[in-house]
Amino acid sequence: MFNEKLAEALNKQMNNEFFSAQNYMAMAAYCEHNNYLGFAHFYLQQAEEERTHGMKIYQYLNDRGVHVKFSALDEPKTDYDSVLDTFENALWHEKEVTKRIYDLTDLAWEYKEHATISFLRWFLDEQVEEEASFETHIDYMKRIGNDQNALFIYENELGKRNTAAE
């Protein structure tokens, strides 16, 4: 029988992943409203990736015979000072997700739930990639500064992102 506390924590993380998707959609909406269509596209792709992460947990819970439970999502932040601010908020958010995945992994170890430990390794690796990606975007945005031509080129590059949801 699957540990009840771990099942509850995984259900909560599944809902957190769906919140992450909504959070990135709010960032996309900010960007699109301010005519940064390439950055909006980037965040919409990021939202799709987060929905896929939520569905990974959904499927895992179902495979383990755990009743999946959805909860209400908090309202995401919708106003930002700049595109750079969206990236800084995204990095902060990803660091929070990483902490949650660490906590889940610790809980799985506590209950010696080896299949869950194995399952969560993918998320641990993914979080390293997510944080590094946003750190790089922030670095680029700071280097670009007020150079509108460089910003235009960078936005176009991010607008080409076509992430096959993992």
Protein backbone atom coordinates (compact mmCIF):
# COMPACT_ATOMS: atom_id res chain seq x y z
CA MET A 1 0.00 0.00 0.00
CA PHE A 2 1.30 3.44 -0.96
CA ASN A 3 2.14 5.70 1.98
CA GLU A 4 -0.70 8.18 2.56
CA LYS A 5 1.56 11.11 3.51
CA LEU A 6 3.67 10.62 0.38
CA ALA A 7 0.53 10.31 -1.78
CA GLU A 8 -0.75 13.61 -0.36
CA ALA A 9 2.61 15.30 -1.03
CA LEU A 10 2.72 14.02 -4.62
CA ASN A 11 -0.85 15.21 -5.23
CA LYS A 12 0.17 18.62 -3.89
CA GLN A 13 3.20 18.72 -6.19
CA MET A 14 1.05 17.75 -9.16
CA ASN A 15 -1.14 20.75 -8.42
CA ASN A 16 1.98 22.90 -7.97
CA GLU A 17 3.10 21.90 -11.47
CA PHE A 18 -0.26 23.01 -12.87
CA PHE A 19 0.14 26.29 -10.96
CA SER A 20 3.58 26.65 -12.55
CA ALA A 21 1.91 26.37 -15.95
CA GLN A 22 -0.58 29.06 -15.02
CA ASN A 23 2.25 31.22 -13.67
CA TYR A 24 4.09 31.01 -17.00
CA MET A 25 0.88 31.76 -18.89
CA ALA A 26 0.53 34.94 -16.80
CA MET A 27 4.08 35.89 -17.77
CA ALA A 28 3.21 35.20 -21.41
CA ALA A 29 0.16 37.44 -21.07
CA TYR A 30 2.30 40.25 -19.65
CA CYS A 31 4.77 39.89 -22.52
CA GLU A 32 2.09 39.72 -25.19
CA HIS A 33 0.28 42.74 -23.72
CA ASN A 34 3.54 44.66 -24.04
CA ASN A 35 4.17 43.42 -27.60
CA TYR A 36 7.01 41.08 -26.73
CA LEU A 37 5.57 38.24 -28.80
CA GLY A 38 8.75 36.16 -28.87
CA PHE A 39 9.02 36.20 -25.09
CA ALA A 40 5.29 35.43 -24.84
CA HIS A 41 5.83 32.40 -27.06
CA PHE A 42 8.75 31.29 -24.86
CA TYR A 43 6.54 31.42 -21.75
CA LEU A 44 3.67 29.61 -23.46
CA GLN A 45 6.10 26.82 -24.34
CA GLN A 46 7.28 26.82 -20.73
CA ALA A 47 3.66 26.53 -19.55
CA GLU A 48 3.13 23.50 -21.80
CA GLU A 49 6.24 21.88 -20.33
CA GLU A 50 4.92 22.43 -16.80
CA ARG A 51 1.54 20.91 -17.68
CA THR A 52 3.44 17.88 -18.95
CA HIS A 53 5.28 17.66 -15.63
CA GLY A 54 1.95 17.73 -13.81
CA MET A 55 0.66 14.96 -16.02
CA LYS A 56 3.77 12.85 -15.28
CA ILE A 57 2.85 12.96 -11.60
CA TYR A 58 -0.81 12.35 -12.42
CA GLN A 59 0.10 9.21 -14.37
CA TYR A 60 2.53 8.00 -11.70
CA LEU A 61 -0.11 8.34 -8.99
CA ASN A 62 -2.63 6.45 -11.11
CA ASP A 63 -0.07 3.75 -11.89
CA ARG A 64 0.51 3.32 -8.15
CA GLY A 65 -3.21 3.10 -7.39
CA VAL A 66 -3.36 6.47 -5.66
CA HIS A 67 -6.48 8.61 -6.03
CA VAL A 68 -5.47 11.81 -7.82
CA LYS A 69 -6.89 14.91 -6.18
CA PHE A 70 -7.01 18.35 -7.72
CA SER A 71 -7.10 21.50 -5.65
CA ALA A 72 -7.77 25.16 -6.35
CA LEU A 73 -4.79 27.07 -7.68
CA ASP A 74 -3.56 30.37 -6.31
CA GLU A 75 -3.79 33.37 -8.59
CA PRO A 76 -0.44 33.98 -10.27
CA LYS A 77 1.30 37.33 -10.33
CA THR A 78 0.21 39.24 -13.44
CA ASP A 79 2.11 42.55 -13.29
CA TYR A 80 5.83 42.86 -13.86
CA ASP A 81 8.26 45.76 -14.11
CA SER A 82 9.93 44.43 -17.27
CA VAL A 83 10.70 41.32 -19.28
CA LEU A 84 13.80 40.92 -17.12
CA ASP A 85 11.51 40.95 -14.08
CA THR A 86 9.58 38.00 -15.56
CA PHE A 87 12.80 36.00 -15.86
CA GLU A 88 13.87 36.89 -12.31
CA ASN A 89 10.46 35.85 -11.00
CA ALA A 90 10.64 32.64 -13.02
CA LEU A 91 14.05 31.79 -11.51
CA TRP A 92 12.74 32.43 -8.01
CA HIS A 93 9.74 30.22 -8.77
CA GLU A 94 11.92 27.40 -10.12
CA LYS A 95 14.07 27.53 -6.99
CA GLU A 96 10.90 27.08 -4.93
CA VAL A 97 9.92 24.11 -7.09
CA THR A 98 13.38 22.62 -6.53
CA LYS A 99 12.90 22.89 -2.75
CA ARG A 100 9.57 21.09 -3.05
CA ILE A 101 11.09 18.29 -5.13
CA TYR A 102 13.88 17.94 -2.54
CA ASP A 103 11.26 17.69 0.20
CA LEU A 104 9.36 15.04 -1.77
CA THR A 105 12.55 13.08 -2.32
CA ASP A 106 13.40 13.26 1.39
CA LEU A 107 9.91 11.98 2.20
CA ALA A 108 10.25 9.12 -0.28
CA TRP A 109 13.56 8.18 1.35
CA GLU A 110 11.96 8.37 4.80
CA TYR A 111 9.32 5.83 3.76
CA LYS A 112 11.79 3.76 1.71
CA GLU A 113 9.57 4.21 -1.34
CA HIS A 114 12.23 3.25 -3.88
CA ALA A 115 10.01 3.45 -6.96
CA THR A 116 9.09 7.02 -6.03
CA ILE A 117 12.74 7.88 -5.41
CA SER A 118 13.52 6.63 -8.91
CA PHE A 119 10.57 8.56 -10.35
CA LEU A 120 11.64 11.80 -8.66
CA ARG A 121 15.19 11.63 -10.02
CA TRP A 122 13.87 12.83 -13.36
CA PHE A 123 12.39 15.92 -11.66
CA LEU A 124 15.64 16.59 -9.78
CA ASP A 125 17.56 16.57 -13.06
CA GLU A 126 14.91 18.73 -14.70
CA GLN A 127 15.20 21.35 -11.96
CA VAL A 128 18.94 21.70 -12.51
CA GLU A 129 18.17 22.41 -16.17
CA GLU A 130 15.33 24.84 -15.37
CA GLU A 131 17.36 26.92 -12.92
CA ALA A 132 20.39 27.03 -15.23
CA SER A 133 18.21 28.08 -18.15
CA PHE A 134 16.65 31.01 -16.30
CA GLU A 135 20.01 32.06 -14.86
CA THR A 136 21.33 32.20 -18.43
CA HIS A 137 18.34 34.21 -19.66
CA ILE A 138 18.79 36.69 -16.81
CA ASP A 139 22.49 37.01 -17.61
CA TYR A 140 21.73 37.67 -21.29
CA MET A 141 18.99 40.18 -20.48
CA LYS A 142 21.33 42.09 -18.16
CA ARG A 143 24.06 42.15 -20.81
CA ILE A 144 21.56 43.40 -23.38
CA GLY A 145 20.52 46.21 -21.05
CA ASN A 146 18.95 49.02 -23.08
CA ASP A 147 20.19 47.79 -26.46
CA GLN A 148 16.87 47.49 -28.30
CA ASN A 149 18.45 45.80 -31.33
CA ALA A 150 20.00 43.07 -29.18
CA LEU A 151 16.70 42.67 -27.31
CA PHE A 152 14.88 42.27 -30.64
CA ILE A 153 17.33 39.58 -31.78
CA TYR A 154 17.15 37.74 -28.45
CA GLU A 155 13.36 37.89 -28.40
CA ASN A 156 13.24 36.46 -31.92
CA GLU A 157 15.51 33.58 -30.87
CA LEU A 158 13.33 32.72 -27.89
CA GLY A 159 10.26 33.05 -30.08
CA LYS A 160 11.52 30.12 -32.14
CA ARG A 161 11.43 27.78 -29.16
CA ASN A 162 9.44 24.69 -29.95
CA THR A 163 9.68 22.45 -26.94
CA ALA A 164 8.42 18.97 -27.42
CA ALA A 165 6.80 18.55 -24.02
CA GLU A 166 8.74 16.02 -22.02
